[in-house]
């Protein structure tokens, strides 16, 4: 996986540990946050995790540094906004 950092706008946050960006990175629009495994939206805490991630990145330009691909070949990455590590923020909050 390339370690190049990309800058993209987040246009959709479907849950608490992934987001969609435009334009695509290496053909992928969906980005999974590395080291974050938030509950699904319908599970306990899932809606809150989604709300937090959405507030942090929805409609914003973020930096995305791919670190791997998951079993579904989606990009797994470290995401930052204004120099703040979004992955770390969510982990510190328990997600």
PDB file of N, CA and C in Angstrom:
ATOM      1  N   UNK A   1       0.845  -1.180   0.000  1.00  0.00           N
ATOM      2  CA  UNK A   1       0.000   0.000   0.000  1.00  0.00           C
ATOM      3  C   UNK A   1       0.889   1.242   0.000  1.00  0.00           C
ATOM      4  N   UNK A   2       0.579   2.175  -0.848  1.00  0.00           N
ATOM      5  CA  UNK A   2       1.335   3.425  -0.918  1.00  0.00           C
ATOM      6  C   UNK A   2       1.154   4.220   0.361  1.00  0.00           C
ATOM      7  N   UNK A   3       2.202   4.944   0.764  1.00  0.00           N
ATOM      8  CA  UNK A   3       2.127   5.767   1.973  1.00  0.00           C
ATOM      9  C   UNK A   3       1.940   7.234   1.615  1.00  0.00           C
ATOM     10  N   UNK A   4       1.506   7.507   0.414  1.00  0.00           N
ATOM     11  CA  UNK A   4       1.254   8.872  -0.013  1.00  0.00           C
ATOM     12  C   UNK A   4       0.045   9.417   0.745  1.00  0.00           C
ATOM     13  N   UNK A   5       0.095  10.696   1.077  1.00  0.00           N
ATOM     14  CA  UNK A   5      -1.043  11.337   1.737  1.00  0.00           C
ATOM     15  C   UNK A   5      -1.866  12.081   0.697  1.00  0.00           C
ATOM     16  N   UNK A   6      -3.174  11.880   0.770  1.00  0.00           N
ATOM     17  CA  UNK A   6      -4.116  12.517  -0.144  1.00  0.00           C
ATOM     18  C   UNK A   6      -4.963  13.517   0.632  1.00  0.00           C
ATOM     19  N   UNK A   7      -5.451  14.531  -0.047  1.00  0.00           N
ATOM     20  CA  UNK A   7      -6.353  15.502   0.557  1.00  0.00           C
ATOM     21  C   UNK A   7      -7.660  15.443  -0.218  1.00  0.00           C
ATOM     22  N   UNK A   8      -8.733  15.126   0.506  1.00  0.00           N
ATOM     23  CA  UNK A   8     -10.036  14.959  -0.129  1.00  0.00           C
ATOM     24  C   UNK A   8     -11.126  15.557   0.761  1.00  0.00           C
ATOM     25  N   UNK A   9     -12.256  15.864   0.120  1.00  0.00           N
ATOM     26  CA  UNK A   9     -13.439  16.337   0.856  1.00  0.00           C
ATOM     27  C   UNK A   9     -14.296  15.132   1.217  1.00  0.00           C
ATOM     28  N   UNK A  10     -14.761  15.111   2.454  1.00  0.00           N
ATOM     29  CA  UNK A  10     -15.656  14.053   2.922  1.00  0.00           C
ATOM     30  C   UNK A  10     -17.077  14.452   2.548  1.00  0.00           C
ATOM     31  N   UNK A  11     -17.740  13.615   1.764  1.00  0.00           N
ATOM     32  CA  UNK A  11     -19.109  13.954   1.365  1.00  0.00           C
ATOM     33  C   UNK A  11     -20.167  13.113   2.056  1.00  0.00           C
ATOM     34  N   UNK A  12     -19.738  12.053   2.762  1.00  0.00           N
ATOM     35  CA  UNK A  12     -20.733  11.228   3.461  1.00  0.00           C
ATOM     36  C   UNK A  12     -20.047  10.428   4.556  1.00  0.00           C
ATOM     37  N   UNK A  13     -20.721  10.326   5.687  1.00  0.00           N
ATOM     38  CA  UNK A  13     -20.246   9.508   6.802  1.00  0.00           C
ATOM     39  C   UNK A  13     -21.343   8.475   7.078  1.00  0.00           C
ATOM     40  N   UNK A  14     -21.152   7.211   6.635  1.00  0.00           N
ATOM     41  CA  UNK A  14     -22.202   6.203   6.784  1.00  0.00           C
ATOM     42  C   UNK A  14     -22.285   5.582   8.170  1.00  0.00           C
ATOM     43  N   UNK A  15     -21.163   5.628   8.923  1.00  0.00           N
ATOM     44  CA  UNK A  15     -21.146   5.042  10.260  1.00  0.00           C
ATOM     45  C   UNK A  15     -19.989   5.647  11.039  1.00  0.00           C
ATOM     46  N   UNK A  16     -19.681   5.111  12.195  1.00  0.00           N
ATOM     47  CA  UNK A  16     -18.679   5.710  13.062  1.00  0.00           C
ATOM     48  C   UNK A  16     -17.238   5.364  12.773  1.00  0.00           C
ATOM     49  N   UNK A  17     -16.979   4.566  11.734  1.00  0.00           N
ATOM     50  CA  UNK A  17     -15.591   4.224  11.442  1.00  0.00           C
ATOM     51  C   UNK A  17     -15.242   4.223   9.958  1.00  0.00           C
ATOM     52  N   UNK A  18     -16.064   4.873   9.148  1.00  0.00           N
ATOM     53  CA  UNK A  18     -15.740   4.986   7.727  1.00  0.00           C
ATOM     54  C   UNK A  18     -16.354   6.253   7.153  1.00  0.00           C
ATOM     55  N   UNK A  19     -15.836   6.633   5.991  1.00  0.00           N
ATOM     56  CA  UNK A  19     -16.321   7.846   5.336  1.00  0.00           C
ATOM     57  C   UNK A  19     -16.148   7.704   3.834  1.00  0.00           C
ATOM     58  N   UNK A  20     -16.851   8.541   3.092  1.00  0.00           N
ATOM     59  CA  UNK A  20     -16.749   8.569   1.643  1.00  0.00           C
ATOM     60  C   UNK A  20     -16.130   9.894   1.234  1.00  0.00           C
ATOM     61  N   UNK A  21     -15.206   9.821   0.262  1.00  0.00           N
ATOM     62  CA  UNK A  21     -14.500  11.021  -0.182  1.00  0.00           C
ATOM     63  C   UNK A  21     -14.669  11.226  -1.678  1.00  0.00           C
ATOM     64  N   UNK A  22     -14.433  12.456  -2.087  1.00  0.00           N
ATOM     65  CA  UNK A  22     -14.436  12.801  -3.496  1.00  0.00           C
ATOM     66  C   UNK A  22     -13.254  13.702  -3.783  1.00  0.00           C
ATOM     67  N   UNK A  23     -12.540  13.490  -4.862  1.00  0.00           N
ATOM     68  CA  UNK A  23     -12.625  12.360  -5.782  1.00  0.00           C
ATOM     69  C   UNK A  23     -12.051  11.093  -5.152  1.00  0.00           C
ATOM     70  N   UNK A  24     -12.239   9.943  -5.829  1.00  0.00           N
ATOM     71  CA  UNK A  24     -11.762   8.670  -5.276  1.00  0.00           C
ATOM     72  C   UNK A  24     -10.237   8.637  -5.097  1.00  0.00           C
ATOM     73  N   UNK A  25      -9.787   7.778  -4.219  1.00  0.00           N
ATOM     74  CA  UNK A  25      -8.361   7.512  -4.024  1.00  0.00           C
ATOM     75  C   UNK A  25      -8.124   6.093  -4.528  1.00  0.00           C
ATOM     76  N   UNK A  26      -7.250   5.961  -5.508  1.00  0.00           N
ATOM     77  CA  UNK A  26      -6.943   4.643  -6.075  1.00  0.00           C
ATOM     78  C   UNK A  26      -8.222   3.881  -6.418  1.00  0.00           C
ATOM     79  N   UNK A  27      -9.207   4.592  -6.942  1.00  0.00           N
ATOM     80  CA  UNK A  27     -10.466   3.981  -7.361  1.00  0.00           C
ATOM     81  C   UNK A  27     -11.476   3.760  -6.257  1.00  0.00           C
ATOM     82  N   UNK A  28     -11.123   4.084  -5.024  1.00  0.00           N
ATOM     83  CA  UNK A  28     -12.018   3.854  -3.890  1.00  0.00           C
ATOM     84  C   UNK A  28     -12.554   5.166  -3.329  1.00  0.00           C
ATOM     85  N   UNK A  29     -13.833   5.195  -3.044  1.00  0.00           N
ATOM     86  CA  UNK A  29     -14.440   6.352  -2.386  1.00  0.00           C
ATOM     87  C   UNK A  29     -14.596   6.123  -0.886  1.00  0.00           C
ATOM     88  N   UNK A  30     -14.789   4.854  -0.478  1.00  0.00           N
ATOM     89  CA  UNK A  30     -15.008   4.547   0.940  1.00  0.00           C
ATOM     90  C   UNK A  30     -13.669   4.318   1.630  1.00  0.00           C
ATOM     91  N   UNK A  31     -13.472   5.008   2.734  1.00  0.00           N
ATOM     92  CA  UNK A  31     -12.247   4.912   3.513  1.00  0.00           C
ATOM     93  C   UNK A  31     -12.609   4.422   4.905  1.00  0.00           C
ATOM     94  N   UNK A  32     -11.903   3.401   5.378  1.00  0.00           N
ATOM     95  CA  UNK A  32     -12.079   2.888   6.743  1.00  0.00           C
ATOM     96  C   UNK A  32     -11.008   3.510   7.625  1.00  0.00           C
ATOM     97  N   UNK A  33     -11.358   3.870   8.836  1.00  0.00           N
ATOM     98  CA  UNK A  33     -10.397   4.458   9.758  1.00  0.00           C
ATOM     99  C   UNK A  33      -9.577   3.362  10.422  1.00  0.00           C
ATOM    100  N   UNK A  34      -8.271   3.457  10.290  1.00  0.00           N
ATOM    101  CA  UNK A  34      -7.362   2.479  10.867  1.00  0.00           C
ATOM    102  C   UNK A  34      -7.438   2.499  12.393  1.00  0.00           C
ATOM    103  N   UNK A  35      -7.546   1.311  12.993  1.00  0.00           N
ATOM    104  CA  UNK A  35      -7.552   1.194  14.448  1.00  0.00           C
ATOM    105  C   UNK A  35      -8.848   1.580  15.117  1.00  0.00           C
ATOM    106  N   UNK A  36      -9.902   1.816  14.333  1.00  0.00           N
ATOM    107  CA  UNK A  36     -11.210   2.198  14.880  1.00  0.00           C
ATOM    108  C   UNK A  36     -12.222   1.133  14.465  1.00  0.00           C
ATOM    109  N   UNK A  37     -12.968   0.627  15.424  1.00  0.00           N
ATOM    110  CA  UNK A  37     -14.025  -0.336  15.138  1.00  0.00           C
ATOM    111  C   UNK A  37     -15.252   0.073  15.938  1.00  0.00           C
ATOM    112  N   UNK A  38     -15.918   1.111  15.455  1.00  0.00           N
ATOM    113  CA  UNK A  38     -17.098   1.636  16.144  1.00  0.00           C
ATOM    114  C   UNK A  38     -18.266   0.666  15.985  1.00  0.00           C
ATOM    115  N   UNK A  39     -19.197   0.696  16.929  1.00  0.00           N
ATOM    116  CA  UNK A  39     -20.389  -0.154  16.794  1.00  0.00           C
ATOM    117  C   UNK A  39     -21.187   0.248  15.552  1.00  0.00           C
ATOM    118  N   UNK A  40     -21.944  -0.686  15.027  1.00  0.00           N
ATOM    119  CA  UNK A  40     -22.822  -0.365  13.907  1.00  0.00           C
ATOM    120  C   UNK A  40     -23.871   0.643  14.375  1.00  0.00           C
ATOM    121  N   UNK A  41     -24.425   1.388  13.438  1.00  0.00           N
ATOM    122  CA  UNK A  41     -25.363   2.459  13.754  1.00  0.00           C
ATOM    123  C   UNK A  41     -26.489   1.982  14.681  1.00  0.00           C
ATOM    124  N   UNK A  42     -27.020   0.799  14.433  1.00  0.00           N
ATOM    125  CA  UNK A  42     -28.160   0.273  15.195  1.00  0.00           C
ATOM    126  C   UNK A  42     -27.755  -0.348  16.534  1.00  0.00           C
ATOM    127  N   UNK A  43     -26.449  -0.510  16.786  1.00  0.00           N
ATOM    128  CA  UNK A  43     -25.983  -1.081  18.040  1.00  0.00           C
ATOM    129  C   UNK A  43     -25.790   0.017  19.080  1.00  0.00           C
ATOM    130  N   UNK A  44     -25.707  -0.386  20.341  1.00  0.00           N
ATOM    131  CA  UNK A  44     -25.505   0.571  21.425  1.00  0.00           C
ATOM    132  C   UNK A  44     -24.235   1.382  21.166  1.00  0.00           C
ATOM    133  N   UNK A  45     -24.354   2.690  21.167  1.00  0.00           N
ATOM    134  CA  UNK A  45     -23.226   3.590  20.946  1.00  0.00           C
ATOM    135  C   UNK A  45     -22.942   3.895  19.491  1.00  0.00           C
ATOM    136  N   UNK A  46     -23.571   3.153  18.587  1.00  0.00           N
ATOM    137  CA  UNK A  46     -23.322   3.345  17.159  1.00  0.00           C
ATOM    138  C   UNK A  46     -23.767   4.683  16.629  1.00  0.00           C
ATOM    139  N   UNK A  47     -24.947   5.123  17.040  1.00  0.00           N
ATOM    140  CA  UNK A  47     -25.453   6.419  16.575  1.00  0.00           C
ATOM    141  C   UNK A  47     -24.549   7.539  17.088  1.00  0.00           C
ATOM    142  N   UNK A  48     -24.105   7.441  18.328  1.00  0.00           N
ATOM    143  CA  UNK A  48     -23.237   8.464  18.907  1.00  0.00           C
ATOM    144  C   UNK A  48     -21.893   8.516  18.175  1.00  0.00           C
ATOM    145  N   UNK A  49     -21.308   7.352  17.877  1.00  0.00           N
ATOM    146  CA  UNK A  49     -20.043   7.305  17.137  1.00  0.00           C
ATOM    147  C   UNK A  49     -20.207   7.955  15.766  1.00  0.00           C
ATOM    148  N   UNK A  50     -21.312   7.656  15.090  1.00  0.00           N
ATOM    149  CA  UNK A  50     -21.609   8.245  13.785  1.00  0.00           C
ATOM    150  C   UNK A  50     -21.741   9.764  13.902  1.00  0.00           C
ATOM    151  N   UNK A  51     -22.465  10.235  14.911  1.00  0.00           N
ATOM    152  CA  UNK A  51     -22.652  11.679  15.093  1.00  0.00           C
ATOM    153  C   UNK A  51     -21.318  12.388  15.321  1.00  0.00           C
ATOM    154  N   UNK A  52     -20.443  11.778  16.116  1.00  0.00           N
ATOM    155  CA  UNK A  52     -19.144  12.386  16.416  1.00  0.00           C
ATOM    156  C   UNK A  52     -18.290  12.469  15.155  1.00  0.00           C
ATOM    157  N   UNK A  53     -18.179  11.357  14.424  1.00  0.00           N
ATOM    158  CA  UNK A  53     -17.370  11.367  13.208  1.00  0.00           C
ATOM    159  C   UNK A  53     -17.944  12.350  12.192  1.00  0.00           C
ATOM    160  N   UNK A  54     -19.246  12.363  12.061  1.00  0.00           N
ATOM    161  CA  UNK A  54     -19.890  13.279  11.122  1.00  0.00           C
ATOM    162  C   UNK A  54     -19.579  14.728  11.484  1.00  0.00           C
ATOM    163  N   UNK A  55     -19.666  15.062  12.745  1.00  0.00           N
ATOM    164  CA  UNK A  55     -19.369  16.429  13.195  1.00  0.00           C
ATOM    165  C   UNK A  55     -17.911  16.799  12.918  1.00  0.00           C
ATOM    166  N   UNK A  56     -17.008  15.843  13.071  1.00  0.00           N
ATOM    167  CA  UNK A  56     -15.588  16.109  12.883  1.00  0.00           C
ATOM    168  C   UNK A  56     -15.181  16.284  11.422  1.00  0.00           C
ATOM    169  N   UNK A  57     -15.831  15.544  10.485  1.00  0.00           N
ATOM    170  CA  UNK A  57     -15.308  15.538   9.117  1.00  0.00           C
ATOM    171  C   UNK A  57     -16.298  15.820   7.989  1.00  0.00           C
ATOM    172  N   UNK A  58     -17.589  15.715   8.220  1.00  0.00           N
ATOM    173  CA  UNK A  58     -18.572  15.880   7.136  1.00  0.00           C
ATOM    174  C   UNK A  58     -18.392  17.213   6.425  1.00  0.00           C
ATOM    175  N   UNK A  59     -18.192  17.156   5.102  1.00  0.00           N
ATOM    176  CA  UNK A  59     -18.055  18.354   4.292  1.00  0.00           C
ATOM    177  C   UNK A  59     -16.698  19.028   4.379  1.00  0.00           C
ATOM    178  N   UNK A  60     -15.788  18.452   5.142  1.00  0.00           N
ATOM    179  CA  UNK A  60     -14.468  19.047   5.377  1.00  0.00           C
ATOM    180  C   UNK A  60     -13.401  18.396   4.499  1.00  0.00           C
ATOM    181  N   UNK A  61     -12.326  19.136   4.270  1.00  0.00           N
ATOM    182  CA  UNK A  61     -11.144  18.586   3.615  1.00  0.00           C
ATOM    183  C   UNK A  61     -10.304  17.897   4.688  1.00  0.00           C
ATOM    184  N   UNK A  62      -9.931  16.652   4.444  1.00  0.00           N
ATOM    185  CA  UNK A  62      -9.122  15.887   5.389  1.00  0.00           C
ATOM    186  C   UNK A  62      -7.899  15.334   4.666  1.00  0.00           C
ATOM    187  N   UNK A  63      -6.872  15.000   5.434  1.00  0.00           N
ATOM    188  CA  UNK A  63      -5.731  14.283   4.864  1.00  0.00           C
ATOM    189  C   UNK A  63      -5.943  12.801   5.142  1.00  0.00           C
ATOM    190  N   UNK A  64      -5.613  11.994   4.159  1.00  0.00           N
ATOM    191  CA  UNK A  64      -5.827  10.557   4.237  1.00  0.00           C
ATOM    192  C   UNK A  64      -4.519   9.865   3.869  1.00  0.00           C
ATOM    193  N   UNK A  65      -3.988   9.101   4.819  1.00  0.00           N
ATOM    194  CA  UNK A  65      -2.761   8.343   4.580  1.00  0.00           C
ATOM    195  C   UNK A  65      -3.096   6.857   4.644  1.00  0.00           C
ATOM    196  N   UNK A  66      -3.197   6.202   3.487  1.00  0.00           N
ATOM    197  CA  UNK A  66      -3.513   4.776   3.469  1.00  0.00           C
ATOM    198  C   UNK A  66      -2.428   3.954   4.168  1.00  0.00           C
ATOM    199  N   UNK A  67      -2.863   2.952   4.940  1.00  0.00           N
ATOM    200  CA  UNK A  67      -1.912   2.057   5.612  1.00  0.00           C
ATOM    201  C   UNK A  67      -2.117   0.598   5.212  1.00  0.00           C
ATOM    202  N   UNK A  68      -3.293   0.266   4.677  1.00  0.00           N
ATOM    203  CA  UNK A  68      -3.587  -1.123   4.302  1.00  0.00           C
ATOM    204  C   UNK A  68      -4.878  -1.166   3.493  1.00  0.00           C
ATOM    205  N   UNK A  69      -5.246  -2.379   3.120  1.00  0.00           N
ATOM    206  CA  UNK A  69      -6.569  -2.652   2.551  1.00  0.00           C
ATOM    207  C   UNK A  69      -7.186  -3.738   3.421  1.00  0.00           C
ATOM    208  N   UNK A  70      -8.499  -3.640   3.646  1.00  0.00           N
ATOM    209  CA  UNK A  70      -9.147  -4.657   4.466  1.00  0.00           C
ATOM    210  C   UNK A  70      -9.539  -5.867   3.619  1.00  0.00           C
ATOM    211  N   UNK A  71     -10.254  -6.813   4.217  1.00  0.00           N
ATOM    212  CA  UNK A  71     -10.644  -8.038   3.512  1.00  0.00           C
ATOM    213  C   UNK A  71     -11.547  -7.765   2.308  1.00  0.00           C
ATOM    214  N   UNK A  72     -12.192  -6.599   2.308  1.00  0.00           N
ATOM    215  CA  UNK A  72     -13.077  -6.227   1.201  1.00  0.00           C
ATOM    216  C   UNK A  72     -12.375  -5.310   0.211  1.00  0.00           C
ATOM    217  N   UNK A  73     -11.044  -5.173   0.361  1.00  0.00           N
ATOM    218  CA  UNK A  73     -10.198  -4.356  -0.508  1.00  0.00           C
ATOM    219  C   UNK A  73     -10.430  -2.855  -0.366  1.00  0.00           C
ATOM    220  N   UNK A  74     -11.090  -2.440   0.727  1.00  0.00           N
ATOM    221  CA  UNK A  74     -11.272  -1.010   0.984  1.00  0.00           C
ATOM    222  C   UNK A  74      -9.993  -0.447   1.574  1.00  0.00           C
ATOM    223  N   UNK A  75      -9.754   0.817   1.340  1.00  0.00           N
ATOM    224  CA  UNK A  75      -8.587   1.481   1.896  1.00  0.00           C
ATOM    225  C   UNK A  75      -8.794   1.701   3.392  1.00  0.00           C
ATOM    226  N   UNK A  76      -7.810   1.321   4.177  1.00  0.00           N
ATOM    227  CA  UNK A  76      -7.783   1.568   5.616  1.00  0.00           C
ATOM    228  C   UNK A  76      -6.728   2.651   5.805  1.00  0.00           C
ATOM    229  N   UNK A  77      -7.081   3.739   6.501  1.00  0.00           N
ATOM    230  CA  UNK A  77      -6.185   4.890   6.529  1.00  0.00           C
ATOM    231  C   UNK A  77      -6.212   5.645   7.842  1.00  0.00           C
ATOM    232  N   UNK A  78      -5.190   6.472   7.999  1.00  0.00           N
ATOM    233  CA  UNK A  78      -5.155   7.457   9.082  1.00  0.00           C
ATOM    234  C   UNK A  78      -5.727   8.736   8.492  1.00  0.00           C
ATOM    235  N   UNK A  79      -6.707   9.295   9.172  1.00  0.00           N
ATOM    236  CA  UNK A  79      -7.392  10.494   8.692  1.00  0.00           C
ATOM    237  C   UNK A  79      -7.125  11.632   9.658  1.00  0.00           C
ATOM    238  N   UNK A  80      -6.743  12.771   9.103  1.00  0.00           N
ATOM    239  CA  UNK A  80      -6.480  13.956   9.929  1.00  0.00           C
ATOM    240  C   UNK A  80      -7.226  15.155   9.372  1.00  0.00           C
ATOM    241  N   UNK A  81      -7.590  16.033  10.282  1.00  0.00           N
ATOM    242  CA  UNK A  81      -8.208  17.305   9.892  1.00  0.00           C
ATOM    243  C   UNK A  81      -7.545  18.394  10.722  1.00  0.00           C
ATOM    244  N   UNK A  82      -7.016  19.396  10.054  1.00  0.00           N
ATOM    245  CA  UNK A  82      -6.299  20.483  10.725  1.00  0.00           C
ATOM    246  C   UNK A  82      -5.208  19.949  11.642  1.00  0.00           C
ATOM    247  N   UNK A  83      -4.521  18.895  11.198  1.00  0.00           N
ATOM    248  CA  UNK A  83      -3.425  18.317  11.965  1.00  0.00           C
ATOM    249  C   UNK A  83      -3.854  17.413  13.105  1.00  0.00           C
ATOM    250  N   UNK A  84      -5.146  17.290  13.361  1.00  0.00           N
ATOM    251  CA  UNK A  84      -5.637  16.430  14.444  1.00  0.00           C
ATOM    252  C   UNK A  84      -5.980  15.051  13.894  1.00  0.00           C
ATOM    253  N   UNK A  85      -5.478  14.024  14.560  1.00  0.00           N
ATOM    254  CA  UNK A  85      -5.684  12.647  14.147  1.00  0.00           C
ATOM    255  C   UNK A  85      -7.096  12.203  14.548  1.00  0.00           C
ATOM    256  N   UNK A  86      -7.972  12.089  13.571  1.00  0.00           N
ATOM    257  CA  UNK A  86      -9.372  11.719  13.816  1.00  0.00           C
ATOM    258  C   UNK A  86      -9.455  10.298  14.378  1.00  0.00           C
ATOM    259  N   UNK A  87      -8.611   9.393  13.885  1.00  0.00           N
ATOM    260  CA  UNK A  87      -8.592   8.022  14.393  1.00  0.00           C
ATOM    261  C   UNK A  87      -8.319   8.028  15.897  1.00  0.00           C
ATOM    262  N   UNK A  88      -7.312   8.775  16.296  1.00  0.00           N
ATOM    263  CA  UNK A  88      -6.919   8.838  17.709  1.00  0.00           C
ATOM    264  C   UNK A  88      -8.014   9.480  18.559  1.00  0.00           C
ATOM    265  N   UNK A  89      -8.652  10.512  18.043  1.00  0.00           N
ATOM    266  CA  UNK A  89      -9.743  11.167  18.780  1.00  0.00           C
ATOM    267  C   UNK A  89     -10.844  10.150  19.074  1.00  0.00           C
ATOM    268  N   UNK A  90     -11.243   9.383  18.060  1.00  0.00           N
ATOM    269  CA  UNK A  90     -12.299   8.382  18.254  1.00  0.00           C
ATOM    270  C   UNK A  90     -11.861   7.281  19.212  1.00  0.00           C
ATOM    271  N   UNK A  91     -10.610   6.832  19.111  1.00  0.00           N
ATOM    272  CA  UNK A  91     -10.113   5.807  20.042  1.00  0.00           C
ATOM    273  C   UNK A  91     -10.099   6.334  21.474  1.00  0.00           C
ATOM    274  N   UNK A  92      -9.673   7.577  21.648  1.00  0.00           N
ATOM    275  CA  UNK A  92      -9.627   8.175  22.994  1.00  0.00           C
ATOM    276  C   UNK A  92     -11.028   8.288  23.609  1.00  0.00           C
ATOM    277  N   UNK A  93     -12.040   8.388  22.743  1.00  0.00           N
ATOM    278  CA  UNK A  93     -13.415   8.477  23.220  1.00  0.00           C
ATOM    279  C   UNK A  93     -14.021   7.089  23.441  1.00  0.00           C
ATOM    280  N   UNK A  94     -13.261   6.040  23.167  1.00  0.00           N
ATOM    281  CA  UNK A  94     -13.741   4.686  23.395  1.00  0.00           C
ATOM    282  C   UNK A  94     -14.316   3.988  22.193  1.00  0.00           C
ATOM    283  N   UNK A  95     -14.162   4.578  21.009  1.00  0.00           N
ATOM    284  CA  UNK A  95     -14.683   3.943  19.801  1.00  0.00           C
ATOM    285  C   UNK A  95     -13.564   3.279  19.037  1.00  0.00           C
TER     286      UNK A  95
END
